[in-house]
Amino acid sequence: MKNKITFLLVLCLNLSCADDRIESSEEQVKIDYYQFREINLDSVGIKASIMIPNETAGIGASFAPKILHDDGGFKWHINVGRHFNVLIEDYGDYQYLMPEFLRRINTKDIFNIEIIEESSDYILYKRELKAVPNQQTTYHIYGVKYLNGVYYEFTNKEEGDSKKVIDFIVKSFLSFKILNNP
């Protein structure tokens, strides 16, 4: 009997001292950017980088990315093929973008809007016409990133996107960050 108790104690001690560490929740939220490539936005006036879908994504992103920006302007359109289109807009130090958007989104009379995912810096939502529900559902993102002392508004095209495309756009938004080595 004494040997069994000793064996169980040694077994429990071994299991508790195992090298398999439990990862924190932050580490478990790592995003897989397998079908993406990183682009540097420094040449177009934003000291940041963003991941965009590549040709393996299956959303028509086999074209070279186009970044449309007027020198001295405050808007950037990033297009990769027909489907992946995002707009980034510089709002300087104006920090009330998200509260204003939340107030505006609830006053839309022609759309049924359902928020799918909400965090402190973005909202993913779906939109349907009230007159013809379940006919055409589109997905939208509204995000705000604070980088290098500037608030950037991040949206997809006004007419919305499919669920598959918006998933790529959300991953791109989440990757929008300050350059490591400018």
C-alpha atoms as a PDB file:
ATOM      1  CA  MET A   1       0.000   0.000   0.000  1.00  0.00           C
ATOM      2  CA  LYS A   2       2.850   2.341   0.873  1.00  0.00           C
ATOM      3  CA  ASN A   3       4.442   1.694  -2.535  1.00  0.00           C
ATOM      4  CA  LYS A   4       1.203   2.607  -4.324  1.00  0.00           C
ATOM      5  CA  ILE A   5       0.932   5.912  -2.475  1.00  0.00           C
ATOM      6  CA  THR A   6       4.588   6.702  -3.181  1.00  0.00           C
ATOM      7  CA  PHE A   7       4.098   5.831  -6.843  1.00  0.00           C
ATOM      8  CA  LEU A   8       1.042   8.105  -7.100  1.00  0.00           C
ATOM      9  CA  LEU A   9       2.900  10.964  -5.406  1.00  0.00           C
ATOM     10  CA  VAL A  10       5.860  10.606  -7.779  1.00  0.00           C
ATOM     11  CA  LEU A  11       3.509  10.417 -10.776  1.00  0.00           C
ATOM     12  CA  CYS A  12       1.643  13.566  -9.699  1.00  0.00           C
ATOM     13  CA  LEU A  13       4.925  15.361  -9.099  1.00  0.00           C
ATOM     14  CA  ASN A  14       6.181  14.386 -12.557  1.00  0.00           C
ATOM     15  CA  LEU A  15       3.000  15.545 -14.233  1.00  0.00           C
ATOM     16  CA  SER A  16       3.005  18.865 -12.409  1.00  0.00           C
ATOM     17  CA  CYS A  17       6.628  19.504 -13.338  1.00  0.00           C
ATOM     18  CA  ALA A  18       6.187  18.645 -17.008  1.00  0.00           C
ATOM     19  CA  ASP A  19       7.629  21.131 -19.495  1.00  0.00           C
ATOM     20  CA  ASP A  20       4.333  21.552 -21.354  1.00  0.00           C
ATOM     21  CA  ARG A  21       3.383  25.087 -20.428  1.00  0.00           C
ATOM     22  CA  ILE A  22      -0.093  26.398 -20.856  1.00  0.00           C
ATOM     23  CA  GLU A  23      -0.095  29.406 -23.163  1.00  0.00           C
ATOM     24  CA  SER A  24      -1.801  32.590 -22.108  1.00  0.00           C
ATOM     25  CA  SER A  25      -4.941  33.650 -23.931  1.00  0.00           C
ATOM     26  CA  GLU A  26      -2.973  36.339 -25.788  1.00  0.00           C
ATOM     27  CA  GLU A  27      -0.682  33.755 -27.308  1.00  0.00           C
ATOM     28  CA  GLN A  28      -3.607  31.561 -28.357  1.00  0.00           C
ATOM     29  CA  VAL A  29      -5.122  34.373 -30.439  1.00  0.00           C
ATOM     30  CA  LYS A  30      -2.296  34.375 -32.968  1.00  0.00           C
ATOM     31  CA  ILE A  31      -3.622  34.880 -36.481  1.00  0.00           C
ATOM     32  CA  ASP A  32      -2.518  32.666 -39.348  1.00  0.00           C
ATOM     33  CA  TYR A  33      -1.321  34.872 -42.199  1.00  0.00           C
ATOM     34  CA  TYR A  34      -0.622  31.917 -44.487  1.00  0.00           C
ATOM     35  CA  GLN A  35      -2.343  33.414 -47.560  1.00  0.00           C
ATOM     36  CA  PHE A  36      -1.068  36.953 -47.015  1.00  0.00           C
ATOM     37  CA  ARG A  37       1.931  39.093 -47.834  1.00  0.00           C
ATOM     38  CA  GLU A  38       3.149  42.155 -45.988  1.00  0.00           C
ATOM     39  CA  ILE A  39       3.298  45.540 -47.664  1.00  0.00           C
ATOM     40  CA  ASN A  40       5.112  48.564 -46.346  1.00  0.00           C
ATOM     41  CA  LEU A  41       3.022  51.752 -46.494  1.00  0.00           C
ATOM     42  CA  ASP A  42       5.923  54.108 -45.720  1.00  0.00           C
ATOM     43  CA  SER A  43       6.353  55.034 -49.392  1.00  0.00           C
ATOM     44  CA  VAL A  44       2.751  56.346 -49.495  1.00  0.00           C
ATOM     45  CA  GLY A  45       2.923  58.364 -46.285  1.00  0.00           C
ATOM     46  CA  ILE A  46       1.945  55.953 -43.489  1.00  0.00           C
ATOM     47  CA  LYS A  47       4.775  54.699 -41.282  1.00  0.00           C
ATOM     48  CA  ALA A  48       3.120  51.309 -40.958  1.00  0.00           C
ATOM     49  CA  SER A  49       2.710  47.938 -42.626  1.00  0.00           C
ATOM     50  CA  ILE A  50      -0.295  45.779 -43.404  1.00  0.00           C
ATOM     51  CA  MET A  51      -0.830  42.191 -44.485  1.00  0.00           C
ATOM     52  CA  ILE A  52      -2.876  41.759 -47.662  1.00  0.00           C
ATOM     53  CA  PRO A  53      -4.124  38.565 -49.344  1.00  0.00           C
ATOM     54  CA  ASN A  54      -1.945  36.964 -51.968  1.00  0.00           C
ATOM     55  CA  GLU A  55      -2.885  34.937 -55.041  1.00  0.00           C
ATOM     56  CA  THR A  56      -3.509  31.755 -53.001  1.00  0.00           C
ATOM     57  CA  ALA A  57      -6.368  33.359 -51.035  1.00  0.00           C
ATOM     58  CA  GLY A  58      -9.021  32.403 -53.604  1.00  0.00           C
ATOM     59  CA  ILE A  59     -10.709  35.810 -53.647  1.00  0.00           C
ATOM     60  CA  GLY A  60      -9.272  37.141 -56.908  1.00  0.00           C
ATOM     61  CA  ALA A  61      -6.204  38.681 -55.292  1.00  0.00           C
ATOM     62  CA  SER A  62      -3.779  37.501 -57.965  1.00  0.00           C
ATOM     63  CA  PHE A  63      -3.136  41.053 -59.169  1.00  0.00           C
ATOM     64  CA  ALA A  64      -0.399  43.340 -57.925  1.00  0.00           C
ATOM     65  CA  PRO A  65      -1.732  45.501 -55.094  1.00  0.00           C
ATOM     66  CA  LYS A  66      -2.637  49.081 -55.990  1.00  0.00           C
ATOM     67  CA  ILE A  67      -2.432  51.823 -53.399  1.00  0.00           C
ATOM     68  CA  LEU A  68      -4.233  54.926 -54.579  1.00  0.00           C
ATOM     69  CA  HIS A  69      -3.166  58.050 -52.685  1.00  0.00           C
ATOM     70  CA  ASP A  70      -2.771  61.703 -53.565  1.00  0.00           C
ATOM     71  CA  ASP A  71       0.410  63.288 -52.223  1.00  0.00           C
ATOM     72  CA  GLY A  72      -0.499  65.305 -49.171  1.00  0.00           C
ATOM     73  CA  GLY A  73      -3.907  63.635 -49.016  1.00  0.00           C
ATOM     74  CA  PHE A  74      -5.509  61.869 -46.114  1.00  0.00           C
ATOM     75  CA  LYS A  75      -7.037  58.829 -47.857  1.00  0.00           C
ATOM     76  CA  TRP A  76      -5.530  55.586 -49.099  1.00  0.00           C
ATOM     77  CA  HIS A  77      -7.404  53.014 -51.203  1.00  0.00           C
ATOM     78  CA  ILE A  78      -5.784  49.583 -51.176  1.00  0.00           C
ATOM     79  CA  ASN A  79      -7.033  47.323 -53.971  1.00  0.00           C
ATOM     80  CA  VAL A  80      -5.953  43.764 -54.622  1.00  0.00           C
ATOM     81  CA  GLY A  81      -8.057  42.425 -57.477  1.00  0.00           C
ATOM     82  CA  ARG A  82     -11.811  42.963 -57.830  1.00  0.00           C
ATOM     83  CA  HIS A  83     -12.880  41.957 -54.347  1.00  0.00           C
ATOM     84  CA  PHE A  84     -10.332  43.146 -51.804  1.00  0.00           C
ATOM     85  CA  ASN A  85     -10.794  46.906 -51.416  1.00  0.00           C
ATOM     86  CA  VAL A  86     -10.166  48.876 -48.243  1.00  0.00           C
ATOM     87  CA  LEU A  87     -10.081  52.551 -47.418  1.00  0.00           C
ATOM     88  CA  ILE A  88      -7.752  54.001 -44.787  1.00  0.00           C
ATOM     89  CA  GLU A  89      -8.306  57.601 -43.779  1.00  0.00           C
ATOM     90  CA  ASP A  90      -6.112  59.812 -41.567  1.00  0.00           C
ATOM     91  CA  TYR A  91      -8.058  61.696 -38.875  1.00  0.00           C
ATOM     92  CA  GLY A  92      -5.058  63.154 -37.060  1.00  0.00           C
ATOM     93  CA  ASP A  93      -5.615  63.413 -33.316  1.00  0.00           C
ATOM     94  CA  TYR A  94      -9.418  63.143 -33.503  1.00  0.00           C
ATOM     95  CA  GLN A  95     -10.189  60.322 -31.079  1.00  0.00           C
ATOM     96  CA  TYR A  96     -14.005  60.131 -31.208  1.00  0.00           C
ATOM     97  CA  LEU A  97     -14.337  58.145 -34.438  1.00  0.00           C
ATOM     98  CA  MET A  98     -15.642  54.931 -32.871  1.00  0.00           C
ATOM     99  CA  PRO A  99     -18.305  56.551 -30.628  1.00  0.00           C
ATOM    100  CA  GLU A 100     -19.554  58.619 -33.576  1.00  0.00           C
ATOM    101  CA  PHE A 101     -19.755  55.539 -35.790  1.00  0.00           C
ATOM    102  CA  LEU A 102     -21.667  53.603 -33.120  1.00  0.00           C
ATOM    103  CA  ARG A 103     -24.158  56.457 -32.863  1.00  0.00           C
ATOM    104  CA  ARG A 104     -24.569  56.653 -36.678  1.00  0.00           C
ATOM    105  CA  ILE A 105     -24.889  52.890 -37.247  1.00  0.00           C
ATOM    106  CA  ASN A 106     -27.966  52.719 -35.029  1.00  0.00           C
ATOM    107  CA  THR A 107     -29.778  55.454 -36.945  1.00  0.00           C
ATOM    108  CA  LYS A 108     -29.839  53.738 -40.342  1.00  0.00           C
ATOM    109  CA  ASP A 109     -33.491  53.400 -41.361  1.00  0.00           C
ATOM    110  CA  ILE A 110     -33.153  51.337 -44.524  1.00  0.00           C
ATOM    111  CA  PHE A 111     -30.939  48.535 -43.212  1.00  0.00           C
ATOM    112  CA  ASN A 112     -31.191  45.796 -40.625  1.00  0.00           C
ATOM    113  CA  ILE A 113     -27.778  45.767 -38.976  1.00  0.00           C
ATOM    114  CA  GLU A 114     -26.433  42.950 -36.850  1.00  0.00           C
ATOM    115  CA  ILE A 115     -23.097  43.331 -35.090  1.00  0.00           C
ATOM    116  CA  ILE A 116     -21.171  40.080 -35.430  1.00  0.00           C
ATOM    117  CA  GLU A 117     -17.993  40.982 -33.581  1.00  0.00           C
ATOM    118  CA  GLU A 118     -17.057  44.033 -31.568  1.00  0.00           C
ATOM    119  CA  SER A 119     -13.787  44.992 -29.915  1.00  0.00           C
ATOM    120  CA  SER A 120     -12.283  48.232 -28.693  1.00  0.00           C
ATOM    121  CA  ASP A 121     -10.857  49.060 -32.133  1.00  0.00           C
ATOM    122  CA  TYR A 122     -13.197  47.471 -34.702  1.00  0.00           C
ATOM    123  CA  ILE A 123     -16.737  46.353 -35.418  1.00  0.00           C
ATOM    124  CA  LEU A 124     -17.670  43.610 -37.853  1.00  0.00           C
ATOM    125  CA  TYR A 125     -21.319  43.718 -38.869  1.00  0.00           C
ATOM    126  CA  LYS A 126     -23.721  42.410 -41.474  1.00  0.00           C
ATOM    127  CA  ARG A 127     -26.295  44.498 -43.242  1.00  0.00           C
ATOM    128  CA  GLU A 128     -29.563  43.638 -45.036  1.00  0.00           C
ATOM    129  CA  LEU A 129     -32.171  45.835 -46.655  1.00  0.00           C
ATOM    130  CA  LYS A 130     -35.241  46.141 -44.419  1.00  0.00           C
ATOM    131  CA  ALA A 131     -37.530  46.007 -47.448  1.00  0.00           C
ATOM    132  CA  VAL A 132     -36.122  42.659 -48.622  1.00  0.00           C
ATOM    133  CA  PRO A 133     -34.529  40.838 -45.675  1.00  0.00           C
ATOM    134  CA  ASN A 134     -32.519  37.673 -46.372  1.00  0.00           C
ATOM    135  CA  GLN A 135     -32.154  38.638 -50.040  1.00  0.00           C
ATOM    136  CA  GLN A 136     -28.732  40.208 -50.004  1.00  0.00           C
ATOM    137  CA  THR A 137     -26.559  40.160 -46.917  1.00  0.00           C
ATOM    138  CA  THR A 138     -23.345  42.149 -47.018  1.00  0.00           C
ATOM    139  CA  TYR A 139     -20.568  42.295 -44.474  1.00  0.00           C
ATOM    140  CA  HIS A 140     -18.747  45.407 -43.305  1.00  0.00           C
ATOM    141  CA  ILE A 141     -15.911  46.449 -41.033  1.00  0.00           C
ATOM    142  CA  TYR A 142     -15.338  49.719 -39.299  1.00  0.00           C
ATOM    143  CA  GLY A 143     -12.058  50.034 -37.460  1.00  0.00           C
ATOM    144  CA  VAL A 144      -9.898  52.671 -35.839  1.00  0.00           C
ATOM    145  CA  LYS A 145      -6.162  52.233 -35.245  1.00  0.00           C
ATOM    146  CA  TYR A 146      -3.978  54.663 -33.341  1.00  0.00           C
ATOM    147  CA  LEU A 147      -0.489  54.550 -34.853  1.00  0.00           C
ATOM    148  CA  ASN A 148       2.350  57.043 -34.449  1.00  0.00           C
ATOM    149  CA  GLY A 149       0.065  59.640 -32.850  1.00  0.00           C
ATOM    150  CA  VAL A 150      -2.553  59.434 -35.630  1.00  0.00           C
ATOM    151  CA  TYR A 151      -6.040  57.910 -35.651  1.00  0.00           C
ATOM    152  CA  TYR A 152      -6.688  55.951 -38.845  1.00  0.00           C
ATOM    153  CA  GLU A 153     -10.195  54.942 -39.900  1.00  0.00           C
ATOM    154  CA  PHE A 154     -10.342  51.603 -41.714  1.00  0.00           C
ATOM    155  CA  THR A 155     -13.383  50.511 -43.777  1.00  0.00           C
ATOM    156  CA  ASN A 156     -14.272  48.218 -46.638  1.00  0.00           C
ATOM    157  CA  LYS A 157     -16.275  49.365 -49.674  1.00  0.00           C
ATOM    158  CA  GLU A 158     -19.699  50.909 -49.001  1.00  0.00           C
ATOM    159  CA  GLU A 159     -21.625  48.188 -50.855  1.00  0.00           C
ATOM    160  CA  GLY A 160     -20.063  45.563 -48.598  1.00  0.00           C
ATOM    161  CA  ASP A 161     -18.396  42.229 -49.192  1.00  0.00           C
ATOM    162  CA  SER A 162     -19.066  38.506 -48.927  1.00  0.00           C
ATOM    163  CA  LYS A 163     -18.292  36.668 -45.688  1.00  0.00           C
ATOM    164  CA  LYS A 164     -15.176  35.105 -47.225  1.00  0.00           C
ATOM    165  CA  VAL A 165     -13.747  38.453 -48.347  1.00  0.00           C
ATOM    166  CA  ILE A 166     -14.571  40.271 -45.098  1.00  0.00           C
ATOM    167  CA  ASP A 167     -12.667  37.607 -43.146  1.00  0.00           C
ATOM    168  CA  PHE A 168      -9.534  38.523 -45.139  1.00  0.00           C
ATOM    169  CA  ILE A 169     -10.195  42.239 -44.608  1.00  0.00           C
ATOM    170  CA  VAL A 170     -10.538  41.761 -40.832  1.00  0.00           C
ATOM    171  CA  LYS A 171      -7.200  39.923 -40.739  1.00  0.00           C
ATOM    172  CA  SER A 172      -5.644  42.781 -42.702  1.00  0.00           C
ATOM    173  CA  PHE A 173      -7.032  45.327 -40.252  1.00  0.00           C
ATOM    174  CA  LEU A 174      -5.647  43.354 -37.310  1.00  0.00           C
ATOM    175  CA  SER A 175      -2.200  43.315 -38.962  1.00  0.00           C
ATOM    176  CA  PHE A 176      -2.125  47.100 -39.537  1.00  0.00           C
ATOM    177  CA  LYS A 177       0.784  48.174 -37.307  1.00  0.00           C
ATOM    178  CA  ILE A 178       3.741  50.489 -36.867  1.00  0.00           C
ATOM    179  CA  LEU A 179       6.826  49.527 -38.844  1.00  0.00           C
ATOM    180  CA  ASN A 180       9.351  47.598 -36.783  1.00  0.00           C
ATOM    181  CA  ASN A 181      12.349  49.174 -38.538  1.00  0.00           C
ATOM    182  CA  PRO A 182      11.256  52.284 -40.419  1.00  0.00           C
END
